[in-house]
Amino acid sequence: MLKSCNICGGMHKVGVRCPQKKFAKKSGGDEDSFRSSKLWQNKREEIKQRDKYLCVYCLKKHEGKQLSKDMINYRALSVHHIIPLCEDYDKRLDNGNLITLCRACHEEAEQGKISRDTLRQMIGYPPSL
């Protein structure tokens, strides 16, 4: 017996999985549990406070210039793991592995367009505002 497939529009035998159907990503695991933990929420807030709720990369990029509101993104801030959790889970709460970035800079860091060494050198910048 055949049935109409709502994924590919073709016909398949009843009980046969369509080869075009994507597998759902399994949720759970240490990384997912960690990201939703109170421990991470507290650490994330601590790092944002340390970085004065600013994208450290944007601030450093415009160092020495007269800053305007459009030069620094104050919204969509996140805390970035320089060494990702999947590479070294033990560094998940290490202040020396965490930095505040805006959405655009975070994406560049994830893609490797901003090097890990560059980000490590910026930790703690600016010392005070």
N, C-alpha and C. Protein backbone atom coordinates (compact mmCIF):
# COMPACT_ATOMS: atom_id res chain seq x y z
N MET A 1 0.84 -1.18 0.00
CA MET A 1 0.00 0.00 0.00
C MET A 1 0.89 1.25 0.00
N LEU A 2 0.58 2.22 -0.80
CA LEU A 2 1.33 3.46 -0.91
C LEU A 2 0.57 4.61 -0.27
N LYS A 3 1.35 5.60 0.16
CA LYS A 3 0.73 6.82 0.70
C LYS A 3 1.46 8.03 0.12
N SER A 4 0.77 9.13 0.07
CA SER A 4 1.33 10.38 -0.42
C SER A 4 2.26 10.97 0.65
N CYS A 5 3.43 11.43 0.23
CA CYS A 5 4.41 11.99 1.17
C CYS A 5 4.29 13.51 1.20
N ASN A 6 4.13 14.07 2.39
CA ASN A 6 4.02 15.53 2.52
C ASN A 6 5.39 16.21 2.54
N ILE A 7 6.45 15.43 2.49
CA ILE A 7 7.80 16.00 2.49
C ILE A 7 8.29 16.22 1.06
N CYS A 8 8.24 15.14 0.25
CA CYS A 8 8.76 15.25 -1.11
C CYS A 8 7.67 15.29 -2.18
N GLY A 9 6.44 15.00 -1.78
CA GLY A 9 5.33 15.02 -2.73
C GLY A 9 5.19 13.72 -3.52
N GLY A 10 6.09 12.78 -3.26
CA GLY A 10 6.05 11.51 -3.96
C GLY A 10 5.18 10.50 -3.23
N MET A 11 5.33 9.23 -3.63
CA MET A 11 4.58 8.13 -3.01
C MET A 11 5.57 7.17 -2.37
N HIS A 12 5.25 6.71 -1.17
CA HIS A 12 6.08 5.74 -0.46
C HIS A 12 5.19 4.65 0.12
N LYS A 13 5.79 3.50 0.36
CA LYS A 13 5.07 2.43 1.04
C LYS A 13 4.77 2.90 2.46
N VAL A 14 3.65 2.50 2.99
CA VAL A 14 3.27 2.83 4.36
C VAL A 14 4.35 2.29 5.29
N GLY A 15 4.80 3.12 6.22
CA GLY A 15 5.81 2.72 7.19
C GLY A 15 7.24 2.95 6.73
N VAL A 16 7.43 3.39 5.48
CA VAL A 16 8.77 3.67 4.97
C VAL A 16 9.05 5.16 5.11
N ARG A 17 10.20 5.48 5.68
CA ARG A 17 10.59 6.87 5.92
C ARG A 17 11.06 7.51 4.62
N CYS A 18 10.62 8.72 4.36
CA CYS A 18 11.04 9.47 3.18
C CYS A 18 12.53 9.77 3.29
N PRO A 19 13.32 9.49 2.25
CA PRO A 19 14.76 9.76 2.31
C PRO A 19 15.10 11.25 2.39
N GLN A 20 14.15 12.12 2.05
CA GLN A 20 14.42 13.56 2.11
C GLN A 20 14.12 14.16 3.48
N LYS A 21 13.50 13.36 4.37
CA LYS A 21 13.16 13.87 5.69
C LYS A 21 14.43 14.07 6.50
N LYS A 22 14.57 15.24 7.06
CA LYS A 22 15.74 15.57 7.86
C LYS A 22 15.59 14.97 9.25
N PHE A 23 16.71 14.57 9.81
CA PHE A 23 16.71 14.06 11.18
C PHE A 23 16.65 15.24 12.13
N ALA A 24 15.86 15.10 13.15
CA ALA A 24 15.77 16.15 14.16
C ALA A 24 17.02 16.09 15.02
N LYS A 25 17.56 17.25 15.34
CA LYS A 25 18.72 17.31 16.21
C LYS A 25 18.29 16.91 17.61
N LYS A 26 19.05 16.00 18.17
CA LYS A 26 18.73 15.57 19.52
C LYS A 26 19.10 16.68 20.49
N SER A 27 18.19 16.99 21.36
CA SER A 27 18.49 18.01 22.36
C SER A 27 19.00 17.30 23.60
N GLY A 28 19.51 18.08 24.49
CA GLY A 28 20.04 17.48 25.71
C GLY A 28 21.55 17.51 25.67
N GLY A 29 22.15 16.72 26.50
CA GLY A 29 23.60 16.68 26.57
C GLY A 29 24.12 17.75 27.50
N ASP A 30 25.41 17.65 27.77
CA ASP A 30 26.04 18.57 28.71
C ASP A 30 25.94 20.02 28.27
N GLU A 31 26.20 20.29 26.99
CA GLU A 31 26.21 21.67 26.50
C GLU A 31 24.84 22.31 26.61
N ASP A 32 23.80 21.61 26.18
CA ASP A 32 22.45 22.17 26.23
C ASP A 32 22.00 22.37 27.67
N SER A 33 22.31 21.41 28.53
CA SER A 33 21.95 21.53 29.94
C SER A 33 22.66 22.72 30.57
N PHE A 34 23.94 22.87 30.22
CA PHE A 34 24.72 23.97 30.78
C PHE A 34 24.16 25.32 30.36
N ARG A 35 23.84 25.47 29.09
CA ARG A 35 23.37 26.77 28.58
C ARG A 35 22.05 27.22 29.21
N SER A 36 21.29 26.28 29.73
CA SER A 36 20.03 26.66 30.38
C SER A 36 20.14 26.66 31.90
N SER A 37 21.35 26.47 32.41
CA SER A 37 21.52 26.39 33.86
C SER A 37 21.61 27.77 34.52
N LYS A 38 21.25 27.82 35.76
CA LYS A 38 21.35 29.06 36.56
C LYS A 38 22.82 29.46 36.70
N LEU A 39 23.68 28.46 36.79
CA LEU A 39 25.12 28.71 36.90
C LEU A 39 25.62 29.53 35.71
N TRP A 40 25.20 29.14 34.48
CA TRP A 40 25.60 29.88 33.28
C TRP A 40 24.95 31.25 33.24
N GLN A 41 23.69 31.35 33.61
CA GLN A 41 23.00 32.64 33.60
C GLN A 41 23.72 33.63 34.51
N ASN A 42 24.15 33.17 35.68
CA ASN A 42 24.87 34.04 36.61
C ASN A 42 26.24 34.44 36.06
N LYS A 43 26.96 33.48 35.49
CA LYS A 43 28.29 33.75 34.94
C LYS A 43 28.19 34.71 33.75
N ARG A 44 27.20 34.49 32.91
CA ARG A 44 26.98 35.36 31.74
C ARG A 44 26.75 36.80 32.18
N GLU A 45 25.94 36.98 33.20
CA GLU A 45 25.68 38.32 33.73
C GLU A 45 26.96 38.93 34.33
N GLU A 46 27.74 38.13 35.03
CA GLU A 46 29.01 38.59 35.61
C GLU A 46 29.96 39.10 34.52
N ILE A 47 30.05 38.38 33.42
CA ILE A 47 30.95 38.77 32.33
C ILE A 47 30.44 40.04 31.64
N LYS A 48 29.15 40.15 31.44
CA LYS A 48 28.59 41.38 30.85
C LYS A 48 28.87 42.58 31.76
N GLN A 49 28.75 42.39 33.06
CA GLN A 49 29.07 43.48 33.99
C GLN A 49 30.54 43.85 33.90
N ARG A 50 31.41 42.84 33.88
CA ARG A 50 32.85 43.08 33.76
C ARG A 50 33.16 43.90 32.51
N ASP A 51 32.46 43.60 31.40
CA ASP A 51 32.70 44.27 30.13
C ASP A 51 31.83 45.51 29.94
N LYS A 52 31.20 45.96 31.01
CA LYS A 52 30.40 47.20 31.02
C LYS A 52 29.25 47.18 30.02
N TYR A 53 28.71 45.99 29.75
CA TYR A 53 27.58 45.82 28.81
C TYR A 53 27.89 46.42 27.44
N LEU A 54 29.13 46.20 26.99
CA LEU A 54 29.57 46.68 25.68
C LEU A 54 30.19 45.53 24.90
N CYS A 55 30.10 45.61 23.59
CA CYS A 55 30.82 44.67 22.74
C CYS A 55 32.29 45.08 22.79
N VAL A 56 33.10 44.24 23.39
CA VAL A 56 34.51 44.57 23.59
C VAL A 56 35.23 44.72 22.25
N TYR A 57 34.87 43.90 21.27
CA TYR A 57 35.53 43.97 19.97
C TYR A 57 35.20 45.29 19.26
N CYS A 58 33.94 45.69 19.26
CA CYS A 58 33.56 46.97 18.65
C CYS A 58 34.28 48.13 19.33
N LEU A 59 34.33 48.09 20.65
CA LEU A 59 34.97 49.16 21.40
C LEU A 59 36.45 49.26 21.05
N LYS A 60 37.12 48.11 21.02
CA LYS A 60 38.55 48.09 20.70
C LYS A 60 38.80 48.51 19.25
N LYS A 61 37.91 48.09 18.35
CA LYS A 61 38.04 48.41 16.92
C LYS A 61 38.00 49.92 16.70
N HIS A 62 37.26 50.64 17.53
CA HIS A 62 37.11 52.09 17.36
C HIS A 62 37.95 52.87 18.37
N GLU A 63 38.92 52.22 18.97
CA GLU A 63 39.77 52.86 19.97
C GLU A 63 40.46 54.09 19.39
N GLY A 64 40.46 55.16 20.15
CA GLY A 64 41.11 56.39 19.73
C GLY A 64 40.23 57.30 18.89
N LYS A 65 39.05 56.81 18.50
CA LYS A 65 38.13 57.63 17.72
C LYS A 65 37.08 58.24 18.64
N GLN A 66 36.51 59.32 18.21
CA GLN A 66 35.38 59.90 18.92
C GLN A 66 34.20 58.96 18.72
N LEU A 67 33.75 58.33 19.78
CA LEU A 67 32.70 57.32 19.66
C LEU A 67 31.32 57.95 19.50
N SER A 68 30.55 57.35 18.64
CA SER A 68 29.15 57.73 18.50
C SER A 68 28.31 56.48 18.75
N LYS A 69 27.03 56.68 18.97
CA LYS A 69 26.15 55.56 19.30
C LYS A 69 26.11 54.51 18.20
N ASP A 70 26.29 54.90 16.96
CA ASP A 70 26.21 53.92 15.88
C ASP A 70 27.49 53.10 15.71
N MET A 71 28.56 53.47 16.42
CA MET A 71 29.81 52.72 16.33
C MET A 71 29.82 51.50 17.24
N ILE A 72 29.05 51.53 18.30
CA ILE A 72 29.06 50.44 19.26
C ILE A 72 27.65 49.91 19.41
N ASN A 73 27.53 48.61 19.30
CA ASN A 73 26.22 47.96 19.42
C ASN A 73 25.96 47.65 20.90
N TYR A 74 24.95 48.29 21.45
CA TYR A 74 24.59 48.08 22.85
C TYR A 74 23.53 46.98 22.99
N ARG A 75 22.96 46.57 21.87
CA ARG A 75 21.88 45.59 21.90
C ARG A 75 22.39 44.23 21.44
N ALA A 76 21.60 43.24 21.68
CA ALA A 76 21.89 41.88 21.22
C ALA A 76 23.27 41.42 21.67
N LEU A 77 23.61 41.69 22.92
CA LEU A 77 24.90 41.25 23.45
C LEU A 77 24.81 39.81 23.90
N SER A 78 25.91 39.10 23.73
CA SER A 78 26.00 37.73 24.22
C SER A 78 27.41 37.51 24.75
N VAL A 79 27.55 36.46 25.52
CA VAL A 79 28.87 36.12 26.05
C VAL A 79 29.38 34.94 25.23
N HIS A 80 30.55 35.13 24.67
CA HIS A 80 31.16 34.16 23.74
C HIS A 80 32.21 33.33 24.46
N HIS A 81 32.18 32.01 24.22
CA HIS A 81 33.24 31.11 24.67
C HIS A 81 34.32 31.12 23.60
N ILE A 82 35.48 31.63 23.91
CA ILE A 82 36.57 31.70 22.94
C ILE A 82 36.97 30.29 22.52
N ILE A 83 37.18 29.43 23.49
CA ILE A 83 37.35 28.00 23.21
C ILE A 83 35.98 27.38 23.43
N PRO A 84 35.35 26.87 22.37
CA PRO A 84 33.98 26.36 22.47
C PRO A 84 33.82 25.22 23.47
N LEU A 85 32.62 25.08 23.97
CA LEU A 85 32.31 24.02 24.92
C LEU A 85 32.64 22.65 24.36
N CYS A 86 32.40 22.45 23.08
CA CYS A 86 32.64 21.14 22.47
C CYS A 86 34.13 20.80 22.42
N GLU A 87 35.00 21.79 22.51
CA GLU A 87 36.44 21.55 22.48
C GLU A 87 37.01 21.38 23.88
N ASP A 88 36.54 22.16 24.83
CA ASP A 88 37.03 22.05 26.21
C ASP A 88 35.92 22.49 27.17
N TYR A 89 35.14 21.52 27.58
CA TYR A 89 33.99 21.77 28.45
C TYR A 89 34.43 22.33 29.81
N ASP A 90 35.65 22.01 30.23
CA ASP A 90 36.14 22.46 31.53
C ASP A 90 36.34 23.98 31.59
N LYS A 91 36.43 24.63 30.44
CA LYS A 91 36.63 26.09 30.42
C LYS A 91 35.32 26.86 30.31
N ARG A 92 34.21 26.19 30.54
CA ARG A 92 32.90 26.80 30.34
C ARG A 92 32.64 27.99 31.26
N LEU A 93 33.27 28.03 32.43
CA LEU A 93 33.05 29.12 33.39
C LEU A 93 34.33 29.92 33.65
N ASP A 94 35.35 29.70 32.85
CA ASP A 94 36.63 30.37 33.01
C ASP A 94 36.54 31.80 32.48
N ASN A 95 36.74 32.78 33.35
CA ASN A 95 36.65 34.19 32.94
C ASN A 95 37.61 34.51 31.80
N GLY A 96 38.72 33.82 31.73
CA GLY A 96 39.70 34.04 30.68
C GLY A 96 39.29 33.44 29.34
N ASN A 97 38.15 32.79 29.30
CA ASN A 97 37.64 32.19 28.07
C ASN A 97 36.34 32.84 27.62
N LEU A 98 35.90 33.87 28.32
CA LEU A 98 34.59 34.48 28.07
C LEU A 98 34.74 35.96 27.76
N ILE A 99 33.98 36.42 26.76
CA ILE A 99 34.03 37.82 26.36
C ILE A 99 32.65 38.25 25.84
N THR A 100 32.27 39.49 26.10
CA THR A 100 30.99 40.03 25.63
C THR A 100 31.14 40.55 24.21
N LEU A 101 30.24 40.08 23.33
CA LEU A 101 30.25 40.50 21.93
C LEU A 101 28.83 40.81 21.48
N CYS A 102 28.71 41.70 20.50
CA CYS A 102 27.41 41.95 19.88
C CYS A 102 27.12 40.80 18.91
N ARG A 103 25.93 40.77 18.38
CA ARG A 103 25.52 39.67 17.49
C ARG A 103 26.45 39.55 16.28
N ALA A 104 26.77 40.67 15.65
CA ALA A 104 27.61 40.63 14.44
C ALA A 104 29.02 40.13 14.76
N CYS A 105 29.61 40.63 15.82
CA CYS A 105 30.96 40.20 16.18
C CYS A 105 30.97 38.76 16.66
N HIS A 106 29.92 38.36 17.37
CA HIS A 106 29.81 36.97 17.82
C HIS A 106 29.78 36.03 16.62
N GLU A 107 29.03 36.39 15.61
CA GLU A 107 28.95 35.57 14.40
C GLU A 107 30.31 35.49 13.71
N GLU A 108 31.02 36.62 13.64
CA GLU A 108 32.36 36.62 13.04
C GLU A 108 33.32 35.74 13.84
N ALA A 109 33.22 35.80 15.15
CA ALA A 109 34.08 34.98 16.01
C ALA A 109 33.77 33.49 15.82
N GLU A 110 32.50 33.16 15.71
CA GLU A 110 32.09 31.77 15.50
C GLU A 110 32.61 31.25 14.16
N GLN A 111 32.67 32.11 13.16
CA GLN A 111 33.14 31.72 11.82
C GLN A 111 34.67 31.76 11.71
N GLY A 112 35.35 32.22 12.75
CA GLY A 112 36.81 32.30 12.73
C GLY A 112 37.36 33.55 12.08
N LYS A 113 36.49 34.52 11.77
CA LYS A 113 36.94 35.76 11.16
C LYS A 113 37.65 36.66 12.18
N ILE A 114 37.35 36.47 13.44
CA ILE A 114 38.07 37.13 14.54
C ILE A 114 38.81 36.01 15.25
N SER A 115 40.11 36.11 15.31
CA SER A 115 40.91 35.01 15.86
C SER A 115 40.73 34.88 17.37
N ARG A 116 40.96 33.69 17.85
CA ARG A 116 40.88 33.43 19.29
C ARG A 116 41.92 34.23 20.04
N ASP A 117 43.12 34.35 19.47
CA ASP A 117 44.18 35.12 20.13
C ASP A 117 43.78 36.59 20.27
N THR A 118 43.17 37.14 19.24
CA THR A 118 42.71 38.52 19.29
C THR A 118 41.69 38.70 20.41
N LEU A 119 40.74 37.78 20.49
CA LEU A 119 39.72 37.87 21.55
C LEU A 119 40.33 37.70 22.93
N ARG A 120 41.27 36.77 23.08
CA ARG A 120 41.92 36.56 24.39
C ARG A 120 42.63 37.83 24.85
N GLN A 121 43.26 38.54 23.91
CA GLN A 121 43.99 39.76 24.25
C GLN A 121 43.05 40.89 24.70
N MET A 122 41.78 40.80 24.30
CA MET A 122 40.80 41.85 24.62
C MET A 122 40.08 41.62 25.93
N ILE A 123 40.26 40.47 26.54
CA ILE A 123 39.54 40.19 27.78
C ILE A 123 39.93 41.22 28.83
N GLY A 124 38.92 41.80 29.45
CA GLY A 124 39.16 42.81 30.46
C GLY A 124 39.26 44.21 29.90
N TYR A 125 39.27 44.34 28.58
CA TYR A 125 39.30 45.67 27.95
C TYR A 125 37.87 46.17 27.87
N PRO A 126 37.53 47.31 28.19
CA PRO A 126 38.35 48.37 28.75
C PRO A 126 38.48 48.19 30.26
N PRO A 127 39.61 48.59 30.83
CA PRO A 127 39.79 48.43 32.27
C PRO A 127 38.78 49.24 33.07
N SER A 128 38.45 50.41 32.59
CA SER A 128 37.42 51.22 33.26
C SER A 128 36.91 52.26 32.29
N LEU A 129 35.67 52.64 32.49
CA LEU A 129 35.06 53.68 31.65
C LEU A 129 34.55 54.80 32.51
